[in-house]
Amino acid sequence: MMLTPKKINTFTMLKLPSAFLTGVRVREISEDRCVTSVKLRWINQNPFKSMFWAVQGMAAELSTGALVMAQIRESSAKVSMLVANNKATFTKKAKGRITFTCNDGMAIQEAITATVANGEGQTCWMKAEGVDQAGDVVSVFEFEWTVKKKSVGV
């Protein structure tokens, strides 16, 4: 059963309260794509009246991480996940509603399939692009996810 935005947003509220309180929400998730959004509000702004970079990072990471969680769930295997690296580029002040889209579901699916098949850890770079309401790119985040099949306890 595929994860739904409602299930992920409930998980966020319970396990990632800072993301939830700052307004980060999953809007859409499918096998290959996840869309999150966050609106500029008092609680997530910086002194320059734009969105704090870390809030953008939470929304971007959730768009990639939700795909990783969904693909692990779909595989029915015990697989661990961890961000090993990340990169970010900011091109414009983030104001209004920012929507982050990750289209790398098939790439992480391949990495999970490989780790389940051979037991070796795999890495996968996933990109989330943040766009404002005018359609302008405000930031691009890249996350290097590592996945590894969990070993059976001794």
C-alpha atoms as a PDB file:
ATOM      1  CA  MET A   1       0.000   0.000   0.000  1.00  0.00           C
ATOM      2  CA  MET A   2       1.448   3.339  -1.073  1.00  0.00           C
ATOM      3  CA  LEU A   3       1.895   6.096   1.462  1.00  0.00           C
ATOM      4  CA  THR A   4      -0.605   8.942   1.177  1.00  0.00           C
ATOM      5  CA  PRO A   5      -0.089  12.654   1.870  1.00  0.00           C
ATOM      6  CA  LYS A   6      -2.420  12.382   4.880  1.00  0.00           C
ATOM      7  CA  LYS A   7      -0.383   9.519   6.397  1.00  0.00           C
ATOM      8  CA  ILE A   8       2.907  11.324   5.839  1.00  0.00           C
ATOM      9  CA  ASN A   9       1.567  14.609   7.258  1.00  0.00           C
ATOM     10  CA  THR A  10       0.329  12.773  10.362  1.00  0.00           C
ATOM     11  CA  PHE A  11       3.770  11.145  10.700  1.00  0.00           C
ATOM     12  CA  THR A  12       5.342  14.607  10.372  1.00  0.00           C
ATOM     13  CA  MET A  13       3.102  15.998  13.106  1.00  0.00           C
ATOM     14  CA  LEU A  14       4.023  13.167  15.486  1.00  0.00           C
ATOM     15  CA  LYS A  15       7.705  12.589  14.647  1.00  0.00           C
ATOM     16  CA  LEU A  16       8.910  15.849  13.045  1.00  0.00           C
ATOM     17  CA  PRO A  17       7.026  18.566  14.931  1.00  0.00           C
ATOM     18  CA  SER A  18       9.321  21.414  13.839  1.00  0.00           C
ATOM     19  CA  ALA A  19       8.540  20.679  10.181  1.00  0.00           C
ATOM     20  CA  PHE A  20       4.835  20.429  10.941  1.00  0.00           C
ATOM     21  CA  LEU A  21       4.710  23.638  13.017  1.00  0.00           C
ATOM     22  CA  THR A  22       6.502  25.624  10.320  1.00  0.00           C
ATOM     23  CA  GLY A  23       3.897  24.513   7.769  1.00  0.00           C
ATOM     24  CA  VAL A  24       5.707  21.846   5.736  1.00  0.00           C
ATOM     25  CA  ARG A  25       3.131  19.528   4.109  1.00  0.00           C
ATOM     26  CA  VAL A  26       3.130  16.747   1.529  1.00  0.00           C
ATOM     27  CA  ARG A  27       0.690  17.621  -1.250  1.00  0.00           C
ATOM     28  CA  GLU A  28       1.157  14.689  -3.619  1.00  0.00           C
ATOM     29  CA  ILE A  29       3.060  11.413  -3.754  1.00  0.00           C
ATOM     30  CA  SER A  30       3.273   8.711  -6.394  1.00  0.00           C
ATOM     31  CA  GLU A  31       5.748   5.995  -7.263  1.00  0.00           C
ATOM     32  CA  ASP A  32       8.121   8.400  -8.995  1.00  0.00           C
ATOM     33  CA  ARG A  33       7.279  11.884  -7.683  1.00  0.00           C
ATOM     34  CA  CYS A  34       6.615  13.732  -4.437  1.00  0.00           C
ATOM     35  CA  VAL A  35       5.453  17.328  -3.993  1.00  0.00           C
ATOM     36  CA  THR A  36       5.688  19.248  -0.721  1.00  0.00           C
ATOM     37  CA  SER A  37       4.884  22.853   0.042  1.00  0.00           C
ATOM     38  CA  VAL A  38       5.346  25.455   2.721  1.00  0.00           C
ATOM     39  CA  LYS A  39       3.960  28.984   2.971  1.00  0.00           C
ATOM     40  CA  LEU A  40       5.902  31.946   4.322  1.00  0.00           C
ATOM     41  CA  ARG A  41       4.561  32.776   7.780  1.00  0.00           C
ATOM     42  CA  TRP A  42       5.824  34.555  10.871  1.00  0.00           C
ATOM     43  CA  ILE A  43       7.122  31.308  12.405  1.00  0.00           C
ATOM     44  CA  ASN A  44       9.302  30.366   9.419  1.00  0.00           C
ATOM     45  CA  GLN A  45      10.662  33.728   8.265  1.00  0.00           C
ATOM     46  CA  ASN A  46      14.155  35.116   8.621  1.00  0.00           C
ATOM     47  CA  PRO A  47      15.008  38.748   9.505  1.00  0.00           C
ATOM     48  CA  PHE A  48      14.891  39.631   5.786  1.00  0.00           C
ATOM     49  CA  LYS A  49      11.174  38.754   5.512  1.00  0.00           C
ATOM     50  CA  SER A  50      11.734  35.675   3.389  1.00  0.00           C
ATOM     51  CA  MET A  51      11.625  32.001   4.282  1.00  0.00           C
ATOM     52  CA  PHE A  52      14.431  30.706   6.503  1.00  0.00           C
ATOM     53  CA  TRP A  53      16.711  28.415   4.508  1.00  0.00           C
ATOM     54  CA  ALA A  54      16.329  25.546   6.982  1.00  0.00           C
ATOM     55  CA  VAL A  55      12.540  25.500   6.525  1.00  0.00           C
ATOM     56  CA  GLN A  56      13.086  25.227   2.787  1.00  0.00           C
ATOM     57  CA  GLY A  57      15.516  22.398   3.531  1.00  0.00           C
ATOM     58  CA  MET A  58      12.925  20.534   5.616  1.00  0.00           C
ATOM     59  CA  ALA A  59      10.359  20.767   2.815  1.00  0.00           C
ATOM     60  CA  ALA A  60      12.909  19.716   0.208  1.00  0.00           C
ATOM     61  CA  GLU A  61      14.217  16.810   2.294  1.00  0.00           C
ATOM     62  CA  LEU A  62      10.675  15.591   2.950  1.00  0.00           C
ATOM     63  CA  SER A  63       9.955  15.505  -0.784  1.00  0.00           C
ATOM     64  CA  THR A  64      12.914  13.167  -1.277  1.00  0.00           C
ATOM     65  CA  GLY A  65      12.625  11.251   2.002  1.00  0.00           C
ATOM     66  CA  ALA A  66       8.943  10.462   1.533  1.00  0.00           C
ATOM     67  CA  LEU A  67       9.848   8.777  -1.765  1.00  0.00           C
ATOM     68  CA  VAL A  68      12.568   6.767  -0.014  1.00  0.00           C
ATOM     69  CA  MET A  69      10.115   5.680   2.710  1.00  0.00           C
ATOM     70  CA  ALA A  70       7.447   4.790   0.131  1.00  0.00           C
ATOM     71  CA  GLN A  71       9.852   2.722  -1.961  1.00  0.00           C
ATOM     72  CA  ILE A  72      11.187   0.904   1.117  1.00  0.00           C
ATOM     73  CA  ARG A  73       7.622   0.143   2.173  1.00  0.00           C
ATOM     74  CA  GLU A  74       6.800  -1.077  -1.343  1.00  0.00           C
ATOM     75  CA  SER A  75       9.831  -3.418  -1.313  1.00  0.00           C
ATOM     76  CA  SER A  76       8.621  -5.126   1.907  1.00  0.00           C
ATOM     77  CA  ALA A  77      12.279  -5.470   2.937  1.00  0.00           C
ATOM     78  CA  LYS A  78      13.988  -4.210   6.080  1.00  0.00           C
ATOM     79  CA  VAL A  79      16.061  -1.319   4.728  1.00  0.00           C
ATOM     80  CA  SER A  80      17.686   1.548   6.623  1.00  0.00           C
ATOM     81  CA  MET A  81      17.871   5.054   5.169  1.00  0.00           C
ATOM     82  CA  LEU A  82      20.115   7.996   5.959  1.00  0.00           C
ATOM     83  CA  VAL A  83      21.139  11.285   4.364  1.00  0.00           C
ATOM     84  CA  ALA A  84      24.907  11.222   3.826  1.00  0.00           C
ATOM     85  CA  ASN A  85      25.343  14.583   2.070  1.00  0.00           C
ATOM     86  CA  ASN A  86      23.356  17.516   0.817  1.00  0.00           C
ATOM     87  CA  LYS A  87      23.850  20.566  -1.364  1.00  0.00           C
ATOM     88  CA  ALA A  88      21.683  23.637  -1.765  1.00  0.00           C
ATOM     89  CA  THR A  89      21.528  26.555  -4.156  1.00  0.00           C
ATOM     90  CA  PHE A  90      19.411  29.660  -3.535  1.00  0.00           C
ATOM     91  CA  THR A  91      18.489  31.880  -6.461  1.00  0.00           C
ATOM     92  CA  LYS A  92      15.699  34.153  -5.206  1.00  0.00           C
ATOM     93  CA  LYS A  93      14.033  35.212  -1.932  1.00  0.00           C
ATOM     94  CA  ALA A  94      11.455  32.623  -0.912  1.00  0.00           C
ATOM     95  CA  LYS A  95       8.160  34.456  -0.384  1.00  0.00           C
ATOM     96  CA  GLY A  96       4.576  33.211  -0.503  1.00  0.00           C
ATOM     97  CA  ARG A  97       3.983  29.486  -1.034  1.00  0.00           C
ATOM     98  CA  ILE A  98       7.021  27.475  -2.113  1.00  0.00           C
ATOM     99  CA  THR A  99       6.454  24.084  -3.731  1.00  0.00           C
ATOM    100  CA  PHE A 100       9.219  21.465  -3.785  1.00  0.00           C
ATOM    101  CA  THR A 101       9.088  18.677  -6.338  1.00  0.00           C
ATOM    102  CA  CYS A 102      11.255  15.563  -6.461  1.00  0.00           C
ATOM    103  CA  ASN A 103      10.963  13.299  -9.520  1.00  0.00           C
ATOM    104  CA  ASP A 104      13.576  10.706  -8.496  1.00  0.00           C
ATOM    105  CA  GLY A 105      11.361   7.866  -7.246  1.00  0.00           C
ATOM    106  CA  MET A 106      12.608   5.427  -9.868  1.00  0.00           C
ATOM    107  CA  ALA A 107      16.259   6.174  -9.030  1.00  0.00           C
ATOM    108  CA  ILE A 108      15.778   5.346  -5.339  1.00  0.00           C
ATOM    109  CA  GLN A 109      13.729   2.282  -6.295  1.00  0.00           C
ATOM    110  CA  GLU A 110      16.746   0.982  -8.256  1.00  0.00           C
ATOM    111  CA  ALA A 111      19.051   1.593  -5.278  1.00  0.00           C
ATOM    112  CA  ILE A 112      16.683  -0.226  -2.904  1.00  0.00           C
ATOM    113  CA  THR A 113      16.313  -3.134  -5.324  1.00  0.00           C
ATOM    114  CA  ALA A 114      20.112  -3.391  -5.545  1.00  0.00           C
ATOM    115  CA  THR A 115      20.679  -3.330  -1.773  1.00  0.00           C
ATOM    116  CA  VAL A 116      17.968  -5.955  -1.217  1.00  0.00           C
ATOM    117  CA  ALA A 117      19.496  -8.174  -3.931  1.00  0.00           C
ATOM    118  CA  ASN A 118      23.144  -7.984  -2.862  1.00  0.00           C
ATOM    119  CA  GLY A 119      23.027  -6.749   0.750  1.00  0.00           C
ATOM    120  CA  GLU A 120      25.471  -3.942  -0.019  1.00  0.00           C
ATOM    121  CA  GLY A 121      24.740  -0.327   0.809  1.00  0.00           C
ATOM    122  CA  GLN A 122      23.745   1.901  -2.078  1.00  0.00           C
ATOM    123  CA  THR A 123      23.694   5.670  -2.538  1.00  0.00           C
ATOM    124  CA  CYS A 124      21.359   7.783  -4.608  1.00  0.00           C
ATOM    125  CA  TRP A 125      21.374  11.544  -5.196  1.00  0.00           C
ATOM    126  CA  MET A 126      17.870  13.000  -5.260  1.00  0.00           C
ATOM    127  CA  LYS A 127      16.973  16.563  -6.265  1.00  0.00           C
ATOM    128  CA  ALA A 128      14.124  18.753  -5.013  1.00  0.00           C
ATOM    129  CA  GLU A 129      13.416  22.005  -6.805  1.00  0.00           C
ATOM    130  CA  GLY A 130      11.608  24.800  -4.951  1.00  0.00           C
ATOM    131  CA  VAL A 131       9.364  27.042  -7.020  1.00  0.00           C
ATOM    132  CA  ASP A 132       7.350  30.084  -5.931  1.00  0.00           C
ATOM    133  CA  GLN A 133       3.803  30.932  -6.989  1.00  0.00           C
ATOM    134  CA  ALA A 134       5.073  32.821 -10.049  1.00  0.00           C
ATOM    135  CA  GLY A 135       6.879  29.690 -11.244  1.00  0.00           C
ATOM    136  CA  ASP A 136      10.362  31.021 -10.456  1.00  0.00           C
ATOM    137  CA  VAL A 137      12.927  28.652  -8.968  1.00  0.00           C
ATOM    138  CA  VAL A 138      13.929  29.925  -5.517  1.00  0.00           C
ATOM    139  CA  SER A 139      16.108  27.019  -4.376  1.00  0.00           C
ATOM    140  CA  VAL A 140      17.379  23.612  -5.420  1.00  0.00           C
ATOM    141  CA  PHE A 141      18.362  20.992  -2.857  1.00  0.00           C
ATOM    142  CA  GLU A 142      20.177  17.740  -3.543  1.00  0.00           C
ATOM    143  CA  PHE A 143      20.347  14.941  -0.989  1.00  0.00           C
ATOM    144  CA  GLU A 144      22.577  11.875  -1.127  1.00  0.00           C
ATOM    145  CA  TRP A 145      20.492   9.106   0.424  1.00  0.00           C
ATOM    146  CA  THR A 146      22.141   5.884   1.546  1.00  0.00           C
ATOM    147  CA  VAL A 147      20.102   2.726   1.780  1.00  0.00           C
ATOM    148  CA  LYS A 148      21.211  -0.599   3.172  1.00  0.00           C
ATOM    149  CA  LYS A 149      19.471  -3.875   3.831  1.00  0.00           C
ATOM    150  CA  LYS A 150      19.309  -4.464   7.568  1.00  0.00           C
ATOM    151  CA  SER A 151      21.073  -7.591   8.738  1.00  0.00           C
ATOM    152  CA  VAL A 152      19.133 -10.205  10.666  1.00  0.00           C
ATOM    153  CA  GLY A 153      19.866 -10.009  14.408  1.00  0.00           C
ATOM    154  CA  VAL A 154      22.262 -12.527  15.921  1.00  0.00           C
END
